[in-house]
Structures are given as structure tokens and as C-alpha cells.
C-alpha atoms as a PDB file:
ATOM      1  CA  UNK A   1     133.001 -34.836  80.651  1.00  0.00           C
ATOM      2  CA  UNK A   2     131.114 -37.670  79.518  1.00  0.00           C
ATOM      3  CA  UNK A   3     127.883 -39.473  80.758  1.00  0.00           C
ATOM      4  CA  UNK A   4     128.927 -43.072  80.642  1.00  0.00           C
ATOM      5  CA  UNK A   5     130.270 -42.350  83.822  1.00  0.00           C
ATOM      6  CA  UNK A   6     129.608 -40.458  86.839  1.00  0.00           C
ATOM      7  CA  UNK A   7     130.822 -41.205  90.001  1.00  0.00           C
ATOM      8  CA  UNK A   8     127.810 -40.584  93.118  1.00  0.00           C
ATOM      9  CA  UNK A   9     129.957 -41.437  96.552  1.00  0.00           C
ATOM     10  CA  UNK A  10     130.960 -38.798  98.148  1.00  0.00           C
ATOM     11  CA  UNK A  11     134.465 -40.302  98.008  1.00  0.00           C
ATOM     12  CA  UNK A  12     135.158 -40.692  94.826  1.00  0.00           C
ATOM     13  CA  UNK A  13     133.374 -37.359  93.645  1.00  0.00           C
ATOM     14  CA  UNK A  14     136.001 -35.659  96.137  1.00  0.00           C
ATOM     15  CA  UNK A  15     139.721 -37.653  94.645  1.00  0.00           C
ATOM     16  CA  UNK A  16     138.612 -36.560  91.456  1.00  0.00           C
ATOM     17  CA  UNK A  17     137.703 -32.620  92.514  1.00  0.00           C
ATOM     18  CA  UNK A  18     141.453 -32.880  94.446  1.00  0.00           C
ATOM     19  CA  UNK A  19     143.127 -33.734  91.257  1.00  0.00           C
ATOM     20  CA  UNK A  20     142.352 -31.179  89.470  1.00  0.00           C
ATOM     21  CA  UNK A  21     142.244 -29.103  92.545  1.00  0.00           C
ATOM     22  CA  UNK A  22     146.307 -30.184  92.655  1.00  0.00           C
ATOM     23  CA  UNK A  23     146.614 -29.543  88.927  1.00  0.00           C
ATOM     24  CA  UNK A  24     145.678 -26.092  89.297  1.00  0.00           C
ATOM     25  CA  UNK A  25     147.823 -25.597  92.140  1.00  0.00           C
ATOM     26  CA  UNK A  26     150.565 -26.136  89.965  1.00  0.00           C
ATOM     27  CA  UNK A  27     150.340 -23.478  87.762  1.00  0.00           C
ATOM     28  CA  UNK A  28     152.239 -20.599  87.893  1.00  0.00           C
ATOM     29  CA  UNK A  29     151.354 -17.594  90.066  1.00  0.00           C
ATOM     30  CA  UNK A  30     148.248 -19.806  91.651  1.00  0.00           C
ATOM     31  CA  UNK A  31     149.841 -22.060  94.519  1.00  0.00           C
ATOM     32  CA  UNK A  32     149.089 -19.846  96.946  1.00  0.00           C
ATOM     33  CA  UNK A  33     145.120 -19.156  95.907  1.00  0.00           C
ATOM     34  CA  UNK A  34     142.334 -21.362  97.281  1.00  0.00           C
ATOM     35  CA  UNK A  35     140.404 -23.538  94.927  1.00  0.00           C
ATOM     36  CA  UNK A  36     137.693 -21.551  94.404  1.00  0.00           C
ATOM     37  CA  UNK A  37     139.430 -18.396  93.470  1.00  0.00           C
ATOM     38  CA  UNK A  38     141.982 -20.314  91.071  1.00  0.00           C
ATOM     39  CA  UNK A  39     138.802 -21.800  89.113  1.00  0.00           C
ATOM     40  CA  UNK A  40     136.707 -18.152  88.581  1.00  0.00           C
ATOM     41  CA  UNK A  41     140.271 -17.211  87.557  1.00  0.00           C
ATOM     42  CA  UNK A  42     140.477 -19.921  85.011  1.00  0.00           C
ATOM     43  CA  UNK A  43     137.086 -19.386  84.152  1.00  0.00           C
ATOM     44  CA  UNK A  44     136.769 -22.781  85.196  1.00  0.00           C
ATOM     45  CA  UNK A  45     133.738 -25.079  87.106  1.00  0.00           C
ATOM     46  CA  UNK A  46     133.868 -27.772  89.504  1.00  0.00           C
ATOM     47  CA  UNK A  47     134.180 -30.840  88.264  1.00  0.00           C
ATOM     48  CA  UNK A  48     130.245 -32.048  90.386  1.00  0.00           C
ATOM     49  CA  UNK A  49     129.245 -28.991  87.737  1.00  0.00           C
ATOM     50  CA  UNK A  50     130.423 -30.302  84.910  1.00  0.00           C
ATOM     51  CA  UNK A  51     129.107 -33.738  85.359  1.00  0.00           C
ATOM     52  CA  UNK A  52     125.395 -32.115  86.273  1.00  0.00           C
ATOM     53  CA  UNK A  53     125.707 -30.026  83.030  1.00  0.00           C
ATOM     54  CA  UNK A  54     126.770 -32.992  80.744  1.00  0.00           C
ATOM     55  CA  UNK A  55     123.789 -34.993  81.837  1.00  0.00           C
ATOM     56  CA  UNK A  56     121.552 -32.554  81.900  1.00  0.00           C
ATOM     57  CA  UNK A  57     122.552 -32.398  78.388  1.00  0.00           C
ATOM     58  CA  UNK A  58     122.669 -36.277  77.514  1.00  0.00           C
ATOM     59  CA  UNK A  59     118.570 -35.723  79.075  1.00  0.00           C
ATOM     60  CA  UNK A  60     117.942 -33.677  76.522  1.00  0.00           C
ATOM     61  CA  UNK A  61     119.404 -34.841  73.812  1.00  0.00           C
ATOM     62  CA  UNK A  62     117.510 -38.845  74.769  1.00  0.00           C
ATOM     63  CA  UNK A  63     114.120 -36.515  75.447  1.00  0.00           C
ATOM     64  CA  UNK A  64     114.433 -34.808  71.899  1.00  0.00           C
ATOM     65  CA  UNK A  65     115.193 -37.855  70.419  1.00  0.00           C
ATOM     66  CA  UNK A  66     118.376 -36.366  69.310  1.00  0.00           C
ATOM     67  CA  UNK A  67     120.381 -39.764  69.454  1.00  0.00           C
ATOM     68  CA  UNK A  68     119.941 -43.029  69.040  1.00  0.00           C
ATOM     69  CA  UNK A  69     118.985 -44.134  73.121  1.00  0.00           C
ATOM     70  CA  UNK A  70     115.833 -44.695  73.714  1.00  0.00           C
ATOM     71  CA  UNK A  71     113.842 -42.089  76.461  1.00  0.00           C
ATOM     72  CA  UNK A  72     111.816 -45.273  77.917  1.00  0.00           C
ATOM     73  CA  UNK A  73     114.726 -46.514  78.806  1.00  0.00           C
ATOM     74  CA  UNK A  74     115.982 -44.110  81.245  1.00  0.00           C
ATOM     75  CA  UNK A  75     112.725 -42.330  81.752  1.00  0.00           C
ATOM     76  CA  UNK A  76     109.568 -43.011  82.333  1.00  0.00           C
ATOM     77  CA  UNK A  77     107.252 -40.224  81.582  1.00  0.00           C
ATOM     78  CA  UNK A  78     103.919 -39.335  83.929  1.00  0.00           C
ATOM     79  CA  UNK A  79     101.215 -39.243  82.046  1.00  0.00           C
ATOM     80  CA  UNK A  80      98.985 -36.203  84.363  1.00  0.00           C
ATOM     81  CA  UNK A  81      96.146 -33.762  82.830  1.00  0.00           C
ATOM     82  CA  UNK A  82      96.812 -30.942  85.594  1.00  0.00           C
ATOM     83  CA  UNK A  83     100.255 -29.564  85.791  1.00  0.00           C
ATOM     84  CA  UNK A  84      99.456 -27.087  89.044  1.00  0.00           C
ATOM     85  CA  UNK A  85      98.088 -27.585  91.944  1.00  0.00           C
ATOM     86  CA  UNK A  86      96.010 -30.887  93.456  1.00  0.00           C
ATOM     87  CA  UNK A  87      94.970 -33.644  91.435  1.00  0.00           C
END
């Protein structure tokens, strides 16, 4: 997965997920199983969850300066004194 391109329209997400679904269905012994069951047996996640995981890793790397990307280009940090309750 890549953090460079991540589909955001329902139509694009469903089309990509459908591709994985069709591929896994063609594996021997998986044709009659529901998609979610096939993913569990193969120890896979759906592609939307994989993209979320990749996005979170990318955010972590940016915030902790583990990449050449600058956090200020992507995030606006809040300068709050209190983290709980009413400000």
C-alpha cells in the first residue's frame, strides 16, 4: 500500500476492494466462502483497513521526523494548555 494515493470516493473504494475479492475467490477452495471468511482464512485485512494503517504509519513518521516531509506542510498543531475539560 502507498500513502501517496488513497481513494476517497465510495465508488473507487468499492472497485478496488472488488478486485481483491475476485482474486481471492479464484484461489482453490475459496470460491464458495464469503469474502470476510476468505480474508480471515488468509490472515488478510480488507484494503480500506490496510490504507488506514498505512496512513497512520505515514503520519507517525512525519510527526516524529522519520522522513524528509515537514509536519507543518500537513498538520496544524493546536497549542492548548488543557487537554481535558472546558478551556
